[in-house]
Amino acid sequence: MKRQILHNLLRWKEDPNRQPLLIRGVRQCGKTWVMKRFGEENYPDTAYFNFESDERLREFFEGDLDVSRIIKSLGVQRGKTIMPGTTLVIFDEIQFCPRALTALKYFCEDMPKLHVICAGSLLGVALAKPQSFPVGKVELITLRPMNFYEFCVANGDEMLADHLASLPAGDPLPAAFTGRLEEYYRDYLICGGMPAVVSSWIEKHDIGEVERIQQQILDTYSLDFVKHAPLNDFPKLSLIWNAIPLQLAKENSKFLFSHVKKGARARDLEDALQWLIDAGLIYKVEKADRPYIPLSMYADASYFKIYLADVGLLRKMSKFPAAALLSSSPMAADMRGALTENYVLGEVMSVTGEVPYFWRSERTAEVDFLVQDGEKIVPIEVKAGKNTRAKSLQEYRKKFSPEIAVRVSLQVAARHDDENGTLIEMPLYLIWIWKTYLDVVHRPSDT
């Protein structure tokens, strides 16, 4: 499989001022595979150490944190000398050895020629705890589930995906391409981006097998709650986790603690909610009262929506049948809309690396996402089908007159200019190149 993060890792390798690299990401999103593949392709030697599966490794970080001693001991453990400049050292599940996290400072200062990459599925939780962390001595990067581009490539359509990325924004696509892309889009909503799920789908195209693997992943997450979360938080974690599909499918998808547990208040559950956020399992999208920069200054932390890290897992958790994605039944409309929003959020974040915001008026008009792009605030309205009536976006544009607004649906790409600015219509299967489409505001309109 081709993962875009490999380009970032190569840039890191070639940086003369590189620091030890920490890769964050949810369990089973492909961190171990990425690190090993990167080592195989770019280094004569790779030394892999996993602190979860081999507890003996933690002994080497007890006592002093002399880097030369640690590296010599690790070399003896693996039966081969570790050579700075030649060997890539991989520390996997590093959150199980807090002293190893602390030692990264000394790897950076005392042995800068040694290339060190670390990863952990609960690394975000570990970093959120008060402990000695090498601030300023490591580079952080996040690996998320496979995005739509990577999904297309995995399906053998890398040439098509690269062709789309190179097309001038807004150019019409041949019907032969749009049909394939719509099919990939629906497949992606079924599978999501977990590499094991995608591999199974490509090999067998068996939805039953896809759902079996998705359930295994969800079961693994539940076991993580039991093993690694504070004991008193486990019941609360399970309540919040299981409530996410229902919360998202509501017409007003504001997260309500009282809907998680009758009578519950924010202070009763917010610590468990934060654990899930730190673990990377969910994203918290806050309401911005005004679309001004920086958006963070105008966010209301008490008014937010919750999304899952992977749209395929959300579909499985919600028990939403794959066949319902093709249905036009109004009975399935709410969950289809929730899945579509979750998909768009993931694609936007794969480009920006940041969690966006959303906007809601006093009269219940709501724009799904607000993204800060330099000095611009770009509103993004999401539609699950081909009906693109968007009264909320219309109200937003009349109120704030943004230079550019985006509406994504299953309609073809288009551009509209009026007194309130430029409206770009994008098909859902092209949202991964949404920033390219913003360039059309600098070209003369054909309308």
Protein backbone atom coordinates (compact mmCIF):
# COMPACT_ATOMS: atom_id res chain seq x y z
CA MET A 1 0.00 0.00 0.00
CA LYS A 2 1.11 3.55 -0.66
CA ARG A 3 0.89 5.93 2.30
CA GLN A 4 1.43 9.64 1.80
CA ILE A 5 3.20 9.96 5.15
CA LEU A 6 6.22 8.23 3.62
CA HIS A 7 7.01 11.50 1.80
CA ASN A 8 7.09 13.28 5.17
CA LEU A 9 9.40 10.63 6.59
CA LEU A 10 11.79 11.00 3.66
CA ARG A 11 11.86 14.78 4.18
CA TRP A 12 12.62 14.13 7.87
CA LYS A 13 15.49 11.78 6.94
CA GLU A 14 17.08 14.38 4.68
CA ASP A 15 16.77 17.23 7.18
CA PRO A 16 20.24 17.97 8.62
CA ASN A 17 18.56 19.34 11.77
CA ARG A 18 16.30 16.31 12.27
CA GLN A 19 15.20 15.35 15.76
CA PRO A 20 13.79 12.02 16.95
CA LEU A 21 10.37 11.57 15.32
CA LEU A 22 7.20 10.62 17.20
CA ILE A 23 4.31 9.19 15.14
CA ARG A 24 0.91 9.36 16.82
CA GLY A 25 -2.11 7.42 15.61
CA VAL A 26 -4.91 5.11 16.64
CA ARG A 27 -4.28 1.40 16.96
CA GLN A 28 -4.15 -0.49 13.63
CA CYS A 29 -3.95 2.60 11.40
CA GLY A 30 -0.65 1.38 9.93
CA LYS A 31 2.11 2.95 12.06
CA THR A 32 4.24 -0.18 12.41
CA TRP A 33 3.96 -1.03 8.71
CA VAL A 34 4.90 2.53 7.70
CA MET A 35 7.98 2.62 9.93
CA LYS A 36 9.24 -0.77 8.81
CA ARG A 37 8.59 -0.04 5.13
CA PHE A 38 10.39 3.29 5.45
CA GLY A 39 13.36 1.54 7.02
CA GLU A 40 13.47 -1.18 4.36
CA GLU A 41 13.38 1.35 1.52
CA ASN A 42 15.79 3.96 2.88
CA TYR A 43 18.34 2.39 5.27
CA PRO A 44 20.88 -0.45 5.05
CA ASP A 45 19.75 -1.61 8.51
CA THR A 46 16.63 -1.24 10.66
CA ALA A 47 16.53 -2.03 14.38
CA TYR A 48 12.94 -2.58 15.56
CA PHE A 49 11.99 -2.63 19.25
CA ASN A 50 8.45 -3.00 20.66
CA PHE A 51 8.00 -1.97 24.31
CA GLU A 52 4.60 -3.62 24.60
CA SER A 53 5.53 -7.08 23.36
CA ASP A 54 9.02 -7.19 24.96
CA GLU A 55 8.98 -5.81 28.50
CA ARG A 56 12.70 -6.60 28.92
CA LEU A 57 13.55 -3.61 26.75
CA ARG A 58 12.37 -1.27 29.48
CA GLU A 59 15.26 -2.38 31.71
CA PHE A 60 17.77 -0.66 29.40
CA PHE A 61 16.23 2.72 30.24
CA GLU A 62 16.38 2.30 34.01
CA GLY A 63 19.03 4.24 35.91
CA ASP A 64 20.98 6.82 33.93
CA LEU A 65 19.98 7.76 30.37
CA ASP A 66 23.42 7.53 28.83
CA VAL A 67 22.68 7.17 25.12
CA SER A 68 25.86 5.26 24.28
CA ARG A 69 25.12 2.68 26.97
CA ILE A 70 21.50 2.30 25.87
CA ILE A 71 22.36 1.86 22.20
CA LYS A 72 25.11 -0.65 22.99
CA SER A 73 22.70 -2.65 25.17
CA LEU A 74 19.99 -2.61 22.50
CA GLY A 75 22.55 -3.77 19.93
CA VAL A 76 23.51 -6.70 22.14
CA GLN A 77 19.83 -7.52 22.63
CA ARG A 78 19.22 -7.72 18.87
CA GLY A 79 22.56 -9.38 18.14
CA LYS A 80 23.78 -6.65 15.79
CA THR A 81 25.53 -3.35 16.39
CA ILE A 82 23.49 -0.17 15.91
CA MET A 83 25.43 2.29 13.74
CA PRO A 84 24.51 6.01 13.73
CA GLY A 85 23.96 7.20 10.16
CA THR A 86 23.38 3.64 8.93
CA THR A 87 20.78 2.10 11.25
CA LEU A 88 17.22 3.34 11.62
CA VAL A 89 16.10 2.74 15.21
CA ILE A 90 12.35 2.15 15.67
CA PHE A 91 10.75 2.29 19.12
CA ASP A 92 7.20 0.99 18.79
CA GLU A 93 4.51 1.39 21.48
CA ILE A 94 6.90 3.75 23.26
CA GLN A 95 4.18 4.91 25.64
CA PHE A 96 4.78 1.68 27.59
CA CYS A 97 8.23 2.99 28.56
CA PRO A 98 8.00 6.61 29.80
CA ARG A 99 11.76 6.62 30.45
CA ALA A 100 12.34 5.95 26.75
CA LEU A 101 10.21 9.01 25.95
CA THR A 102 12.36 11.07 28.31
CA ALA A 103 15.53 9.63 26.76
CA LEU A 104 14.66 11.09 23.36
CA LYS A 105 16.02 14.43 24.60
CA TYR A 106 19.44 12.84 25.03
CA PHE A 107 19.25 11.01 21.70
CA CYS A 108 18.68 14.43 20.15
CA GLU A 109 21.49 16.18 22.04
CA ASP A 110 24.15 13.48 22.43
CA MET A 111 23.73 11.34 19.31
CA PRO A 112 22.15 13.53 16.58
CA LYS A 113 23.45 11.31 13.76
CA LEU A 114 21.33 8.39 14.97
CA HIS A 115 17.96 8.30 13.18
CA VAL A 116 15.18 7.42 15.67
CA ILE A 117 11.46 6.98 14.92
CA CYS A 118 8.93 6.17 17.62
CA ALA A 119 5.23 5.38 17.58
CA GLY A 120 2.42 4.49 19.91
CA SER A 121 -1.29 3.80 19.63
CA LEU A 122 -2.01 5.54 22.92
CA LEU A 123 0.82 8.02 22.60
CA GLY A 124 -1.56 10.96 22.79
CA VAL A 125 -2.80 9.73 26.16
CA ALA A 126 0.78 9.27 27.39
CA LEU A 127 1.80 12.75 26.26
CA ALA A 128 -1.20 14.27 28.04
CA LYS A 129 0.01 12.97 31.40
CA PRO A 130 2.27 15.12 33.59
CA GLN A 131 5.73 13.67 33.16
CA SER A 132 9.16 14.54 31.85
CA PHE A 133 8.71 15.02 28.10
CA PRO A 134 11.45 16.24 25.74
CA VAL A 135 9.74 19.46 24.65
CA GLY A 136 11.53 20.99 21.68
CA LYS A 137 13.67 17.88 21.21
CA VAL A 138 11.31 15.76 19.11
CA GLU A 139 9.21 16.20 15.99
CA LEU A 140 5.57 15.09 16.17
CA ILE A 141 3.56 13.76 13.26
CA THR A 142 0.14 12.08 13.11
CA LEU A 143 -0.80 9.06 11.01
CA ARG A 144 -4.52 8.71 10.40
CA PRO A 145 -6.49 5.97 8.65
CA MET A 146 -6.03 5.82 4.88
CA ASN A 147 -7.67 8.75 3.11
CA PHE A 148 -9.65 8.58 -0.11
CA TYR A 149 -6.60 9.15 -2.34
CA GLU A 150 -4.77 6.28 -0.65
CA PHE A 151 -7.89 4.13 -0.96
CA CYS A 152 -8.00 4.73 -4.73
CA VAL A 153 -4.30 3.91 -5.04
CA ALA A 154 -4.77 0.71 -3.02
CA ASN A 155 -7.53 -0.27 -5.45
CA GLY A 156 -5.02 -0.05 -8.32
CA ASP A 157 -6.04 3.39 -9.58
CA GLU A 158 -2.95 5.43 -8.73
CA MET A 159 -2.78 6.79 -12.27
CA LEU A 160 -6.36 8.08 -12.04
CA ALA A 161 -5.79 9.62 -8.60
CA ASP A 162 -2.60 11.37 -9.72
CA HIS A 163 -4.35 12.56 -12.89
CA LEU A 164 -7.11 14.13 -10.79
CA ALA A 165 -4.56 15.86 -8.57
CA SER A 166 -2.86 17.40 -11.62
CA LEU A 167 -6.01 18.55 -13.43
CA PRO A 168 -6.74 22.28 -13.47
CA ALA A 169 -9.30 22.88 -10.70
CA GLY A 170 -12.86 22.80 -11.94
CA ASP A 171 -12.17 21.12 -15.29
CA PRO A 172 -15.00 18.69 -16.16
CA LEU A 173 -14.36 15.00 -15.62
CA PRO A 174 -15.31 12.33 -18.16
CA ALA A 175 -18.34 10.28 -17.14
CA ALA A 176 -16.15 7.16 -17.15
CA PHE A 177 -14.11 8.67 -14.33
CA THR A 178 -17.01 10.00 -12.29
CA GLY A 179 -18.71 6.58 -12.27
CA ARG A 180 -15.59 4.89 -10.94
CA LEU A 181 -15.02 7.60 -8.37
CA GLU A 182 -18.58 7.42 -7.07
CA GLU A 183 -18.19 3.67 -6.69
CA TYR A 184 -14.90 4.10 -4.81
CA TYR A 185 -16.54 6.73 -2.60
CA ARG A 186 -19.36 4.38 -1.59
CA ASP A 187 -16.87 1.56 -1.05
CA TYR A 188 -14.86 3.88 1.18
CA LEU A 189 -17.91 4.66 3.32
CA ILE A 190 -18.34 0.91 3.77
CA CYS A 191 -14.70 0.12 4.53
CA GLY A 192 -13.17 3.27 5.93
CA GLY A 193 -9.40 3.59 5.94
CA MET A 194 -8.07 0.96 8.34
CA PRO A 195 -5.36 -0.81 6.31
CA ALA A 196 -6.39 -4.36 7.33
CA VAL A 197 -9.97 -3.64 6.30
CA VAL A 198 -8.91 -2.08 2.99
CA SER A 199 -6.61 -5.01 2.21
CA SER A 200 -9.41 -7.49 2.85
CA TRP A 201 -11.83 -5.54 0.65
CA ILE A 202 -9.38 -5.36 -2.24
CA GLU A 203 -8.60 -9.06 -2.00
CA LYS A 204 -12.10 -10.48 -1.46
CA HIS A 205 -14.75 -7.76 -1.88
CA ASP A 206 -16.62 -9.48 0.92
CA ILE A 207 -18.60 -7.10 3.11
CA GLY A 208 -19.05 -9.79 5.75
CA GLU A 209 -15.28 -10.16 6.06
CA VAL A 210 -14.86 -6.38 6.15
CA GLU A 211 -17.28 -6.13 9.05
CA ARG A 212 -15.63 -9.00 10.89
CA ILE A 213 -12.28 -7.17 10.81
CA GLN A 214 -13.91 -3.88 11.75
CA GLN A 215 -15.49 -5.55 14.77
CA GLN A 216 -12.11 -6.98 15.77
CA ILE A 217 -10.65 -3.47 15.70
CA LEU A 218 -13.53 -2.08 17.75
CA ASP A 219 -13.09 -4.92 20.26
CA THR A 220 -9.39 -4.04 20.51
CA TYR A 221 -10.30 -0.45 21.34
CA SER A 222 -12.68 -1.63 24.04
CA LEU A 223 -9.88 -3.75 25.53
CA ASP A 224 -7.67 -0.65 25.56
CA PHE A 225 -10.32 1.07 27.67
CA VAL A 226 -10.09 -1.75 30.19
CA LYS A 227 -6.28 -2.04 30.21
CA HIS A 228 -5.10 1.54 29.96
CA ALA A 229 -7.80 4.00 31.03
CA PRO A 230 -8.13 5.05 34.68
CA LEU A 231 -10.23 2.46 36.48
CA ASN A 232 -13.05 4.85 37.37
CA ASP A 233 -13.28 6.13 33.78
CA PHE A 234 -13.99 2.79 32.10
CA PRO A 235 -17.81 2.84 32.50
CA LYS A 236 -17.92 6.46 31.34
CA LEU A 237 -15.68 5.74 28.34
CA SER A 238 -17.93 2.93 27.22
CA LEU A 239 -21.04 5.09 27.58
CA ILE A 240 -19.57 7.93 25.49
CA TRP A 241 -18.05 5.59 22.91
CA ASN A 242 -21.29 3.71 22.32
CA ALA A 243 -23.33 6.93 22.17
CA ILE A 244 -21.36 8.50 19.29
CA PRO A 245 -23.41 7.12 16.35
CA LEU A 246 -26.68 8.22 17.92
CA GLN A 247 -25.31 11.67 18.78
CA LEU A 248 -24.08 12.21 15.23
CA ALA A 249 -27.30 11.08 13.59
CA LYS A 250 -29.44 13.57 15.52
CA GLU A 251 -30.83 16.50 13.51
CA ASN A 252 -29.02 18.79 15.92
CA SER A 253 -25.80 16.87 16.31
CA LYS A 254 -24.52 18.93 19.25
CA PHE A 255 -23.00 16.53 21.75
CA LEU A 256 -25.23 16.30 24.82
CA PHE A 257 -23.90 14.61 27.92
CA SER A 258 -27.45 14.07 29.12
CA HIS A 259 -28.05 11.84 26.07
CA VAL A 260 -25.08 9.69 27.04
CA LYS A 261 -26.49 9.03 30.49
CA LYS A 262 -29.74 10.38 31.86
CA GLY A 263 -29.06 13.23 34.23
CA ALA A 264 -25.32 13.31 33.46
CA ARG A 265 -23.55 16.66 33.41
CA ALA A 266 -20.39 17.75 31.63
CA ARG A 267 -18.26 17.55 34.76
CA ASP A 268 -19.31 13.91 35.22
CA LEU A 269 -18.10 12.74 31.81
CA GLU A 270 -15.68 15.29 30.34
CA ASP A 271 -12.55 13.57 31.69
CA ALA A 272 -13.53 10.34 29.91
CA LEU A 273 -14.33 12.31 26.76
CA GLN A 274 -10.88 13.90 26.86
CA TRP A 275 -9.26 10.47 27.19
CA LEU A 276 -10.91 9.39 23.92
CA ILE A 277 -9.74 12.62 22.24
CA ASP A 278 -6.17 12.17 23.50
CA ALA A 279 -6.23 8.56 22.28
CA GLY A 280 -7.05 9.87 18.78
CA LEU A 281 -10.23 7.80 18.60
CA ILE A 282 -12.57 10.78 18.29
CA TYR A 283 -12.43 14.38 17.08
CA LYS A 284 -14.08 17.24 18.93
CA VAL A 285 -15.38 19.92 16.53
CA GLU A 286 -16.27 23.09 18.42
CA LYS A 287 -18.71 25.81 17.42
CA ALA A 288 -17.16 29.11 16.38
CA ASP A 289 -19.42 32.05 17.20
CA ARG A 290 -17.82 34.24 14.53
CA PRO A 291 -15.84 33.32 11.40
CA TYR A 292 -12.89 35.55 12.26
CA ILE A 293 -9.19 34.72 12.55
CA PRO A 294 -7.92 32.98 14.50
CA LEU A 295 -10.97 30.75 14.78
CA SER A 296 -9.73 29.37 18.08
CA MET A 297 -10.41 32.74 19.74
CA TYR A 298 -14.11 32.51 18.88
CA ALA A 299 -14.67 28.85 19.76
CA ASP A 300 -17.22 27.75 22.33
CA ALA A 301 -15.64 24.74 24.04
CA SER A 302 -18.98 23.85 25.67
CA TYR A 303 -20.83 23.53 22.32
CA PHE A 304 -19.35 20.83 20.10
CA LYS A 305 -19.90 17.78 17.93
CA ILE A 306 -18.04 14.47 18.11
CA TYR A 307 -16.82 12.44 15.14
CA LEU A 308 -15.03 9.10 14.89
CA ALA A 309 -11.48 8.73 13.59
CA ASP A 310 -12.62 6.32 10.87
CA VAL A 311 -15.86 6.46 8.89
CA GLY A 312 -15.94 2.70 8.28
CA LEU A 313 -15.80 2.01 12.01
CA LEU A 314 -18.59 4.53 12.53
CA ARG A 315 -20.76 2.69 10.01
CA LYS A 316 -20.04 -0.62 11.73
CA MET A 317 -20.68 0.79 15.21
CA SER A 318 -24.00 2.26 14.08
CA LYS A 319 -25.07 -1.09 12.55
CA PHE A 320 -25.84 0.76 9.33
CA PRO A 321 -26.11 -1.80 6.49
CA ALA A 322 -23.83 -1.26 3.51
CA ALA A 323 -26.83 -1.60 1.21
CA ALA A 324 -28.44 1.43 2.87
CA LEU A 325 -25.72 3.64 1.37
CA LEU A 326 -27.33 3.05 -2.01
CA SER A 327 -30.86 3.56 -0.72
CA SER A 328 -32.85 6.75 -1.20
CA SER A 329 -35.12 5.89 1.71
CA PRO A 330 -35.69 8.82 4.11
CA MET A 331 -35.42 6.31 6.95
CA ALA A 332 -31.68 6.06 6.27
CA ALA A 333 -31.08 9.76 5.54
CA ASP A 334 -29.87 10.81 8.99
CA MET A 335 -27.15 8.18 9.27
CA ARG A 336 -26.09 8.65 5.63
CA GLY A 337 -25.67 12.33 6.42
CA ALA A 338 -23.63 11.58 9.55
CA LEU A 339 -21.32 9.22 7.64
CA THR A 340 -20.85 11.79 4.88
CA GLU A 341 -19.92 14.49 7.39
CA ASN A 342 -17.47 12.16 9.10
CA TYR A 343 -15.90 11.34 5.72
CA VAL A 344 -15.49 15.02 4.78
CA LEU A 345 -13.97 15.83 8.15
CA GLY A 346 -11.36 13.11 7.69
CA GLU A 347 -10.46 14.33 4.21
CA VAL A 348 -10.17 17.96 5.34
CA MET A 349 -7.95 16.95 8.25
CA SER A 350 -5.72 14.84 6.01
CA VAL A 351 -4.87 18.08 4.19
CA THR A 352 -4.76 20.61 7.04
CA GLY A 353 -3.76 18.41 9.97
CA GLU A 354 -6.11 20.49 12.12
CA VAL A 355 -9.58 19.87 13.52
CA PRO A 356 -11.94 22.45 11.95
CA TYR A 357 -14.84 24.26 13.61
CA PHE A 358 -18.51 24.67 12.70
CA TRP A 359 -20.98 27.56 12.75
CA ARG A 360 -24.54 27.73 13.98
CA SER A 361 -26.86 30.73 13.97
CA GLU A 362 -29.40 31.64 16.62
CA ARG A 363 -32.08 30.49 14.17
CA THR A 364 -30.62 26.96 13.89
CA ALA A 365 -28.89 27.45 10.53
CA GLU A 366 -25.71 25.37 10.64
CA VAL A 367 -22.63 25.17 8.41
CA ASP A 368 -20.85 21.86 8.90
CA PHE A 369 -17.24 23.02 8.92
CA LEU A 370 -15.23 26.23 9.08
CA VAL A 371 -11.60 25.89 8.00
CA GLN A 372 -8.96 28.56 8.44
CA ASP A 373 -6.84 28.79 5.30
CA GLY A 374 -4.26 31.49 5.92
CA GLU A 375 -6.19 34.72 6.33
CA LYS A 376 -9.41 33.23 4.94
CA ILE A 377 -12.17 31.36 6.73
CA VAL A 378 -13.70 28.83 4.33
CA PRO A 379 -17.18 27.49 5.15
CA ILE A 380 -17.84 23.93 3.94
CA GLU A 381 -21.41 22.64 3.64
CA VAL A 382 -21.85 18.86 3.26
CA LYS A 383 -24.67 17.14 1.38
CA ALA A 384 -24.93 13.36 1.22
CA GLY A 385 -26.70 13.17 -2.16
CA LYS A 386 -27.39 15.27 -5.24
CA ASN A 387 -29.87 17.61 -3.57
CA THR A 388 -27.71 20.67 -3.00
CA ARG A 389 -30.22 23.06 -1.48
CA ALA A 390 -28.27 24.57 1.38
CA LYS A 391 -30.26 27.23 3.22
CA SER A 392 -27.76 27.32 6.08
CA LEU A 393 -24.85 28.09 3.77
CA GLN A 394 -26.98 30.68 2.00
CA GLU A 395 -27.71 32.39 5.32
CA TYR A 396 -24.02 32.28 6.26
CA ARG A 397 -22.97 33.83 2.94
CA LYS A 398 -25.53 36.61 3.26
CA LYS A 399 -24.39 37.37 6.79
CA PHE A 400 -20.61 37.20 6.37
CA SER A 401 -19.94 37.44 2.57
CA PRO A 402 -16.93 35.08 2.59
CA GLU A 403 -14.61 35.41 -0.38
CA ILE A 404 -15.11 31.71 -1.04
CA ALA A 405 -17.51 29.02 0.21
CA VAL A 406 -17.56 25.30 -0.57
CA ARG A 407 -20.49 22.94 -0.96
CA VAL A 408 -19.73 19.22 -1.38
CA SER A 409 -22.23 16.68 -2.66
CA LEU A 410 -22.57 14.08 -5.42
CA GLN A 411 -23.10 16.84 -7.97
CA VAL A 412 -20.42 17.72 -10.52
CA ALA A 413 -17.97 20.56 -9.92
CA ALA A 414 -19.20 24.09 -10.59
CA ARG A 415 -18.55 27.71 -9.68
CA HIS A 416 -21.07 30.46 -8.92
CA ASP A 417 -20.31 34.14 -8.34
CA ASP A 418 -22.71 36.64 -6.80
CA GLU A 419 -22.73 39.63 -4.47
CA ASN A 420 -21.84 37.37 -1.53
CA GLY A 421 -18.64 35.97 -3.04
CA THR A 422 -17.75 32.74 -4.85
CA LEU A 423 -19.44 29.41 -4.22
CA ILE A 424 -17.49 26.34 -5.28
CA GLU A 425 -19.41 23.09 -5.74
CA MET A 426 -17.29 19.97 -5.36
CA PRO A 427 -18.15 16.29 -5.68
CA LEU A 428 -17.56 14.30 -2.51
CA TYR A 429 -14.98 12.11 -4.20
CA LEU A 430 -12.76 15.16 -4.88
CA ILE A 431 -12.84 16.77 -1.44
CA TRP A 432 -9.25 15.56 -0.88
CA ILE A 433 -8.10 18.23 -3.38
CA TRP A 434 -10.42 20.94 -2.02
CA LYS A 435 -7.59 23.44 -1.54
CA THR A 436 -6.74 23.21 -5.23
CA TYR A 437 -10.30 24.20 -6.02
CA LEU A 438 -9.90 27.39 -4.02
CA ASP A 439 -7.57 28.61 -6.76
CA VAL A 440 -10.51 29.08 -9.10
CA VAL A 441 -11.39 32.33 -7.33
CA HIS A 442 -8.29 33.82 -8.94
CA ARG A 443 -9.39 32.87 -12.46
CA PRO A 444 -12.07 34.59 -14.51
CA SER A 445 -15.46 32.97 -14.12
CA ASP A 446 -17.03 31.22 -17.09
CA THR A 447 -20.51 31.90 -15.75
